[in-house]
């Protein structure tokens, strides 16, 4: 989920500027519509315009790469993942790492 407080929001029409190879905007629209390998680009409606974020694009590439490599995509919101990371860090510190 896109966090409007902390992420860099960009209109879908400008998203290709931030993607290597500068795909056509129709490609980006397919990414949030149909998705790739079961992964969809996160987007939201803001004042009638479809937007995404630079961070959502990074998460999309990470998830599609993981799917292509046969690894399950990360689940949960960014806040849930951060909580999971913090819990894992605390567990490692308790174990002496």
C-alpha atoms as a PDB file:
ATOM      1  CA  UNK A   1       0.000   0.000   0.000  1.00  0.00           C
ATOM      2  CA  UNK A   2       1.266   3.441  -0.873  1.00  0.00           C
ATOM      3  CA  UNK A   3       2.032   5.627   2.140  1.00  0.00           C
ATOM      4  CA  UNK A   4       1.250   9.202   1.112  1.00  0.00           C
ATOM      5  CA  UNK A   5       3.101  10.553   4.158  1.00  0.00           C
ATOM      6  CA  UNK A   6       6.501   9.044   3.444  1.00  0.00           C
ATOM      7  CA  UNK A   7       6.648   8.013  -0.219  1.00  0.00           C
ATOM      8  CA  UNK A   8       7.395  10.082  -3.327  1.00  0.00           C
ATOM      9  CA  UNK A   9       4.081  10.225  -5.190  1.00  0.00           C
ATOM     10  CA  UNK A  10       4.126  10.499  -8.985  1.00  0.00           C
ATOM     11  CA  UNK A  11       1.351  10.416 -11.606  1.00  0.00           C
ATOM     12  CA  UNK A  12       1.197   7.231 -13.672  1.00  0.00           C
ATOM     13  CA  UNK A  13       1.845   9.353 -16.775  1.00  0.00           C
ATOM     14  CA  UNK A  14       5.251  10.349 -15.341  1.00  0.00           C
ATOM     15  CA  UNK A  15       6.205   6.915 -13.969  1.00  0.00           C
ATOM     16  CA  UNK A  16       8.158   5.853 -17.112  1.00  0.00           C
ATOM     17  CA  UNK A  17      10.683   8.625 -16.375  1.00  0.00           C
ATOM     18  CA  UNK A  18      11.722   6.736 -13.243  1.00  0.00           C
ATOM     19  CA  UNK A  19      11.934   3.280 -14.835  1.00  0.00           C
ATOM     20  CA  UNK A  20      14.991   1.960 -16.696  1.00  0.00           C
ATOM     21  CA  UNK A  21      14.308   1.688 -20.406  1.00  0.00           C
ATOM     22  CA  UNK A  22      11.461   4.209 -20.108  1.00  0.00           C
ATOM     23  CA  UNK A  23       8.581   1.884 -21.022  1.00  0.00           C
ATOM     24  CA  UNK A  24       5.470   3.317 -22.622  1.00  0.00           C
ATOM     25  CA  UNK A  25       2.830   4.582 -20.202  1.00  0.00           C
ATOM     26  CA  UNK A  26       0.481   1.837 -21.486  1.00  0.00           C
ATOM     27  CA  UNK A  27       2.944  -0.717 -20.103  1.00  0.00           C
ATOM     28  CA  UNK A  28       2.807   0.910 -16.673  1.00  0.00           C
ATOM     29  CA  UNK A  29      -1.006   0.932 -16.857  1.00  0.00           C
ATOM     30  CA  UNK A  30      -0.944  -2.819 -17.564  1.00  0.00           C
ATOM     31  CA  UNK A  31       1.335  -3.319 -14.548  1.00  0.00           C
ATOM     32  CA  UNK A  32      -1.253  -1.894 -12.154  1.00  0.00           C
ATOM     33  CA  UNK A  33      -4.195  -3.361 -14.060  1.00  0.00           C
ATOM     34  CA  UNK A  34      -3.302  -6.933 -15.016  1.00  0.00           C
ATOM     35  CA  UNK A  35       0.040  -7.164 -13.304  1.00  0.00           C
ATOM     36  CA  UNK A  36       3.061  -9.303 -14.138  1.00  0.00           C
ATOM     37  CA  UNK A  37       3.596 -12.825 -12.773  1.00  0.00           C
ATOM     38  CA  UNK A  38       0.756 -12.291 -10.333  1.00  0.00           C
ATOM     39  CA  UNK A  39       2.191  -9.026  -9.013  1.00  0.00           C
ATOM     40  CA  UNK A  40       0.498  -5.660  -9.515  1.00  0.00           C
ATOM     41  CA  UNK A  41       2.051  -2.225  -9.300  1.00  0.00           C
ATOM     42  CA  UNK A  42       0.573  -0.384  -6.331  1.00  0.00           C
ATOM     43  CA  UNK A  43      -1.456   2.657  -7.327  1.00  0.00           C
ATOM     44  CA  UNK A  44      -4.149   4.943  -5.940  1.00  0.00           C
ATOM     45  CA  UNK A  45      -6.622   7.520  -7.147  1.00  0.00           C
ATOM     46  CA  UNK A  46      -5.792  11.029  -5.990  1.00  0.00           C
ATOM     47  CA  UNK A  47      -8.153  13.749  -7.132  1.00  0.00           C
ATOM     48  CA  UNK A  48      -9.286  11.676 -10.085  1.00  0.00           C
ATOM     49  CA  UNK A  49      -5.723  10.944 -11.234  1.00  0.00           C
ATOM     50  CA  UNK A  50      -4.035   7.582 -10.925  1.00  0.00           C
ATOM     51  CA  UNK A  51      -0.762   7.837  -9.012  1.00  0.00           C
ATOM     52  CA  UNK A  52       1.964   5.522  -7.805  1.00  0.00           C
ATOM     53  CA  UNK A  53       5.231   6.102  -5.969  1.00  0.00           C
ATOM     54  CA  UNK A  54       8.901   5.578  -6.682  1.00  0.00           C
ATOM     55  CA  UNK A  55       8.987   3.192  -3.725  1.00  0.00           C
ATOM     56  CA  UNK A  56       6.016   1.225  -5.115  1.00  0.00           C
ATOM     57  CA  UNK A  57       7.891   0.834  -8.406  1.00  0.00           C
ATOM     58  CA  UNK A  58      10.900  -0.539  -6.494  1.00  0.00           C
ATOM     59  CA  UNK A  59       8.652  -2.983  -4.590  1.00  0.00           C
ATOM     60  CA  UNK A  60       7.031  -4.044  -7.877  1.00  0.00           C
ATOM     61  CA  UNK A  61      10.400  -4.830  -9.456  1.00  0.00           C
ATOM     62  CA  UNK A  62      11.552  -6.726  -6.359  1.00  0.00           C
ATOM     63  CA  UNK A  63       8.344  -8.783  -6.266  1.00  0.00           C
ATOM     64  CA  UNK A  64       8.354  -9.584  -9.994  1.00  0.00           C
ATOM     65  CA  UNK A  65      12.019 -10.575  -9.802  1.00  0.00           C
ATOM     66  CA  UNK A  66      11.270 -12.843  -6.835  1.00  0.00           C
ATOM     67  CA  UNK A  67       8.350 -14.386  -8.729  1.00  0.00           C
ATOM     68  CA  UNK A  68      10.530 -14.954 -11.803  1.00  0.00           C
ATOM     69  CA  UNK A  69      13.122 -16.683  -9.605  1.00  0.00           C
ATOM     70  CA  UNK A  70      10.487 -18.951  -8.087  1.00  0.00           C
ATOM     71  CA  UNK A  71      10.472 -17.211  -4.701  1.00  0.00           C
ATOM     72  CA  UNK A  72       7.215 -16.094  -3.112  1.00  0.00           C
ATOM     73  CA  UNK A  73       6.580 -12.368  -3.124  1.00  0.00           C
ATOM     74  CA  UNK A  74       6.767 -10.485   0.160  1.00  0.00           C
ATOM     75  CA  UNK A  75       3.393 -10.171   1.800  1.00  0.00           C
ATOM     76  CA  UNK A  76       1.969  -7.380   3.866  1.00  0.00           C
ATOM     77  CA  UNK A  77       2.102  -3.641   3.999  1.00  0.00           C
ATOM     78  CA  UNK A  78       5.343  -1.722   4.493  1.00  0.00           C
ATOM     79  CA  UNK A  79       4.416  -1.223   8.162  1.00  0.00           C
ATOM     80  CA  UNK A  80       3.849  -4.975   8.612  1.00  0.00           C
ATOM     81  CA  UNK A  81       7.162  -5.784   6.960  1.00  0.00           C
ATOM     82  CA  UNK A  82       8.934  -3.261   9.190  1.00  0.00           C
ATOM     83  CA  UNK A  83       7.360  -4.886  12.257  1.00  0.00           C
ATOM     84  CA  UNK A  84       8.508  -8.301  11.003  1.00  0.00           C
ATOM     85  CA  UNK A  85      12.046  -6.992  10.462  1.00  0.00           C
ATOM     86  CA  UNK A  86      12.107  -5.452  13.931  1.00  0.00           C
ATOM     87  CA  UNK A  87      10.903  -8.701  15.511  1.00  0.00           C
ATOM     88  CA  UNK A  88      13.540 -10.692  13.623  1.00  0.00           C
ATOM     89  CA  UNK A  89      16.227  -8.203  14.677  1.00  0.00           C
ATOM     90  CA  UNK A  90      15.189  -8.482  18.326  1.00  0.00           C
ATOM     91  CA  UNK A  91      15.247 -12.284  18.069  1.00  0.00           C
ATOM     92  CA  UNK A  92      18.755 -12.242  16.579  1.00  0.00           C
ATOM     93  CA  UNK A  93      20.012  -9.849  19.266  1.00  0.00           C
ATOM     94  CA  UNK A  94      18.549 -12.094  21.979  1.00  0.00           C
ATOM     95  CA  UNK A  95      20.392 -15.022  20.433  1.00  0.00           C
ATOM     96  CA  UNK A  96      23.665 -13.078  20.574  1.00  0.00           C
ATOM     97  CA  UNK A  97      23.957 -12.003  16.972  1.00  0.00           C
END
